[in-house]
Amino acid sequence: MKIKSFAFIALLSILVASCGPLDVCRSRKMVESNYHNRWKCNFLLFNGKIHGHFKVKTEEPVLIINQNIVKGDISYTVIDKKGNVIMPLEVQHESDTIKGLPLEKGQHVYVRAEGKDVMGTFTFVLK
């Protein structure tokens, strides 16, 4: 019985391996990187919420978004450290640049991606 329990826990850890402490998600074969104000994520199947962390380094920040969503529904929201919504992101194209963000230099923010049966990739860069 203990071997079956261990196998279940190991399988569960593989499915949720890319989800961080703020995240509530289930994924299959997700590869994620988040450093130097760049967040990139590739996944075969994603359900739930994941977050990318950014630090605003300029007075007039610009958020560059590239995505290739093959199937499923995904939405993005900019939130603060406390989880308060700063603004939802309307991404209409594979590549989009959003200017005039209501952010202050030195502020730490997150982009939350919320998906349902999503397959594809996205990249966010905050300049």
C-alpha atoms as a PDB file:
ATOM      1  CA  MET A   1       0.000   0.000   0.000  1.00  0.00           C
ATOM      2  CA  LYS A   2       2.841   2.405   0.756  1.00  0.00           C
ATOM      3  CA  ILE A   3       4.348   1.858  -2.700  1.00  0.00           C
ATOM      4  CA  LYS A   4       1.071   2.812  -4.403  1.00  0.00           C
ATOM      5  CA  SER A   5       0.806   5.947  -2.245  1.00  0.00           C
ATOM      6  CA  PHE A   6       4.367   6.943  -3.119  1.00  0.00           C
ATOM      7  CA  ALA A   7       3.694   6.415  -6.836  1.00  0.00           C
ATOM      8  CA  PHE A   8       0.584   8.614  -6.631  1.00  0.00           C
ATOM      9  CA  ILE A   9       2.503  11.393  -4.863  1.00  0.00           C
ATOM     10  CA  ALA A  10       5.297  11.162  -7.446  1.00  0.00           C
ATOM     11  CA  LEU A  11       2.773  11.418 -10.298  1.00  0.00           C
ATOM     12  CA  LEU A  12       1.050  14.373  -8.645  1.00  0.00           C
ATOM     13  CA  SER A  13       4.384  16.170  -8.196  1.00  0.00           C
ATOM     14  CA  ILE A  14       5.149  15.729 -11.915  1.00  0.00           C
ATOM     15  CA  LEU A  15       1.772  17.191 -12.912  1.00  0.00           C
ATOM     16  CA  VAL A  16       2.167  20.200 -10.629  1.00  0.00           C
ATOM     17  CA  ALA A  17       5.957  20.560 -10.875  1.00  0.00           C
ATOM     18  CA  SER A  18       5.960  23.945 -12.619  1.00  0.00           C
ATOM     19  CA  CYS A  19       3.481  25.607 -10.303  1.00  0.00           C
ATOM     20  CA  GLY A  20       4.968  27.954  -7.691  1.00  0.00           C
ATOM     21  CA  PRO A  21       3.702  28.882  -4.215  1.00  0.00           C
ATOM     22  CA  LEU A  22       1.211  31.477  -5.538  1.00  0.00           C
ATOM     23  CA  ASP A  23      -0.073  29.181  -8.237  1.00  0.00           C
ATOM     24  CA  VAL A  24      -2.995  26.821  -8.394  1.00  0.00           C
ATOM     25  CA  CYS A  25      -2.618  24.782 -11.516  1.00  0.00           C
ATOM     26  CA  ARG A  26      -2.384  21.400 -13.105  1.00  0.00           C
ATOM     27  CA  SER A  27      -0.121  21.033 -16.083  1.00  0.00           C
ATOM     28  CA  ARG A  28       1.436  18.441 -18.317  1.00  0.00           C
ATOM     29  CA  LYS A  29       4.949  19.019 -19.659  1.00  0.00           C
ATOM     30  CA  MET A  30       5.165  22.694 -18.679  1.00  0.00           C
ATOM     31  CA  VAL A  31       8.492  24.487 -19.040  1.00  0.00           C
ATOM     32  CA  GLU A  32       8.633  27.885 -17.363  1.00  0.00           C
ATOM     33  CA  SER A  33      11.339  30.517 -16.846  1.00  0.00           C
ATOM     34  CA  ASN A  34      10.983  33.855 -15.045  1.00  0.00           C
ATOM     35  CA  TYR A  35      14.031  36.086 -14.666  1.00  0.00           C
ATOM     36  CA  HIS A  36      15.296  39.560 -15.702  1.00  0.00           C
ATOM     37  CA  ASN A  37      11.708  40.798 -16.239  1.00  0.00           C
ATOM     38  CA  ARG A  38      11.062  38.060 -18.802  1.00  0.00           C
ATOM     39  CA  TRP A  39       8.499  35.284 -18.233  1.00  0.00           C
ATOM     40  CA  LYS A  40       8.246  32.467 -20.722  1.00  0.00           C
ATOM     41  CA  CYS A  41       6.015  29.424 -20.500  1.00  0.00           C
ATOM     42  CA  ASN A  42       5.507  26.436 -22.844  1.00  0.00           C
ATOM     43  CA  PHE A  43       2.918  23.755 -22.088  1.00  0.00           C
ATOM     44  CA  LEU A  44       1.092  20.838 -23.646  1.00  0.00           C
ATOM     45  CA  LEU A  45      -1.889  21.096 -21.304  1.00  0.00           C
ATOM     46  CA  PHE A  46      -2.521  23.757 -18.673  1.00  0.00           C
ATOM     47  CA  ASN A  47      -5.483  24.304 -16.338  1.00  0.00           C
ATOM     48  CA  GLY A  48      -5.540  26.834 -13.508  1.00  0.00           C
ATOM     49  CA  LYS A  49      -3.510  29.929 -12.580  1.00  0.00           C
ATOM     50  CA  ILE A  50       0.200  30.696 -12.741  1.00  0.00           C
ATOM     51  CA  HIS A  51       2.080  33.913 -12.033  1.00  0.00           C
ATOM     52  CA  GLY A  52       5.153  35.626 -13.445  1.00  0.00           C
ATOM     53  CA  HIS A  53       7.026  38.203 -11.304  1.00  0.00           C
ATOM     54  CA  PHE A  54       8.282  41.561 -12.587  1.00  0.00           C
ATOM     55  CA  LYS A  55       9.959  44.655 -11.125  1.00  0.00           C
ATOM     56  CA  VAL A  56       9.146  47.979 -12.781  1.00  0.00           C
ATOM     57  CA  LYS A  57      12.486  49.569 -13.744  1.00  0.00           C
ATOM     58  CA  THR A  58      11.381  52.656 -15.717  1.00  0.00           C
ATOM     59  CA  GLU A  59       9.007  55.585 -15.317  1.00  0.00           C
ATOM     60  CA  GLU A  60       6.983  54.577 -18.392  1.00  0.00           C
ATOM     61  CA  PRO A  61       6.985  50.774 -18.480  1.00  0.00           C
ATOM     62  CA  VAL A  62       6.048  48.811 -21.599  1.00  0.00           C
ATOM     63  CA  LEU A  63       4.780  45.234 -21.517  1.00  0.00           C
ATOM     64  CA  ILE A  64       5.547  43.134 -24.599  1.00  0.00           C
ATOM     65  CA  ILE A  65       3.460  39.996 -25.067  1.00  0.00           C
ATOM     66  CA  ASN A  66       4.054  37.180 -27.546  1.00  0.00           C
ATOM     67  CA  GLN A  67       1.752  34.188 -27.537  1.00  0.00           C
ATOM     68  CA  ASN A  68       0.955  31.178 -29.648  1.00  0.00           C
ATOM     69  CA  ILE A  69      -2.083  29.508 -28.121  1.00  0.00           C
ATOM     70  CA  VAL A  70      -2.970  26.429 -30.161  1.00  0.00           C
ATOM     71  CA  LYS A  71      -6.140  25.535 -28.266  1.00  0.00           C
ATOM     72  CA  GLY A  72      -8.029  26.403 -25.100  1.00  0.00           C
ATOM     73  CA  ASP A  73      -8.873  29.665 -23.361  1.00  0.00           C
ATOM     74  CA  ILE A  74      -6.355  31.858 -21.520  1.00  0.00           C
ATOM     75  CA  SER A  75      -6.616  35.298 -19.919  1.00  0.00           C
ATOM     76  CA  TYR A  76      -4.003  37.572 -18.348  1.00  0.00           C
ATOM     77  CA  THR A  77      -4.217  40.054 -15.479  1.00  0.00           C
ATOM     78  CA  VAL A  78      -1.628  42.388 -13.903  1.00  0.00           C
ATOM     79  CA  ILE A  79      -1.817  42.175 -10.096  1.00  0.00           C
ATOM     80  CA  ASP A  80       0.145  43.634  -7.176  1.00  0.00           C
ATOM     81  CA  LYS A  81       1.956  41.724  -4.408  1.00  0.00           C
ATOM     82  CA  LYS A  82      -1.241  41.501  -2.357  1.00  0.00           C
ATOM     83  CA  GLY A  83      -3.210  39.980  -5.237  1.00  0.00           C
ATOM     84  CA  ASN A  84      -5.193  43.135  -6.057  1.00  0.00           C
ATOM     85  CA  VAL A  85      -6.027  43.539  -9.734  1.00  0.00           C
ATOM     86  CA  ILE A  86      -4.189  46.453 -11.359  1.00  0.00           C
ATOM     87  CA  MET A  87      -5.564  45.818 -14.838  1.00  0.00           C
ATOM     88  CA  PRO A  88      -6.760  42.978 -17.071  1.00  0.00           C
ATOM     89  CA  LEU A  89      -4.778  42.488 -20.277  1.00  0.00           C
ATOM     90  CA  GLU A  90      -6.655  42.243 -23.561  1.00  0.00           C
ATOM     91  CA  VAL A  91      -4.379  40.305 -25.914  1.00  0.00           C
ATOM     92  CA  GLN A  92      -5.915  40.144 -29.375  1.00  0.00           C
ATOM     93  CA  HIS A  93      -2.924  39.145 -31.498  1.00  0.00           C
ATOM     94  CA  GLU A  94       0.060  36.801 -31.358  1.00  0.00           C
ATOM     95  CA  SER A  95       2.225  39.807 -30.485  1.00  0.00           C
ATOM     96  CA  ASP A  96       1.149  42.922 -28.623  1.00  0.00           C
ATOM     97  CA  THR A  97       2.803  45.887 -26.881  1.00  0.00           C
ATOM     98  CA  ILE A  98       0.974  47.578 -24.026  1.00  0.00           C
ATOM     99  CA  LYS A  99       2.003  51.124 -23.103  1.00  0.00           C
ATOM    100  CA  GLY A 100       0.654  53.456 -20.450  1.00  0.00           C
ATOM    101  CA  LEU A 101       0.578  50.883 -17.663  1.00  0.00           C
ATOM    102  CA  PRO A 102      -0.512  52.335 -14.288  1.00  0.00           C
ATOM    103  CA  LEU A 103       2.721  51.198 -12.586  1.00  0.00           C
ATOM    104  CA  GLU A 104       5.395  53.022 -10.587  1.00  0.00           C
ATOM    105  CA  LYS A 105       9.153  52.617 -10.856  1.00  0.00           C
ATOM    106  CA  GLY A 106      10.383  50.125  -8.230  1.00  0.00           C
ATOM    107  CA  GLN A 107       6.989  48.432  -7.866  1.00  0.00           C
ATOM    108  CA  HIS A 108       6.817  44.611  -7.825  1.00  0.00           C
ATOM    109  CA  VAL A 109       3.957  43.204  -9.883  1.00  0.00           C
ATOM    110  CA  TYR A 110       2.770  39.865 -11.209  1.00  0.00           C
ATOM    111  CA  VAL A 111       1.115  38.823 -14.430  1.00  0.00           C
ATOM    112  CA  ARG A 112      -1.417  36.090 -13.725  1.00  0.00           C
ATOM    113  CA  ALA A 113      -2.268  33.669 -16.519  1.00  0.00           C
ATOM    114  CA  GLU A 114      -5.493  31.751 -16.042  1.00  0.00           C
ATOM    115  CA  GLY A 115      -6.202  28.956 -18.468  1.00  0.00           C
ATOM    116  CA  LYS A 116      -8.583  26.154 -19.255  1.00  0.00           C
ATOM    117  CA  ASP A 117      -7.415  23.239 -21.416  1.00  0.00           C
ATOM    118  CA  VAL A 118      -4.699  25.441 -22.945  1.00  0.00           C
ATOM    119  CA  MET A 119      -1.916  24.251 -25.223  1.00  0.00           C
ATOM    120  CA  GLY A 120       0.774  26.617 -26.505  1.00  0.00           C
ATOM    121  CA  THR A 121       3.311  29.170 -25.377  1.00  0.00           C
ATOM    122  CA  PHE A 122       3.527  32.763 -24.155  1.00  0.00           C
ATOM    123  CA  THR A 123       6.267  35.257 -23.305  1.00  0.00           C
ATOM    124  CA  PHE A 124       5.989  38.511 -21.333  1.00  0.00           C
ATOM    125  CA  VAL A 125       8.769  41.102 -21.183  1.00  0.00           C
ATOM    126  CA  LEU A 126       8.515  44.239 -19.030  1.00  0.00           C
ATOM    127  CA  LYS A 127      10.807  47.079 -20.161  1.00  0.00           C
END
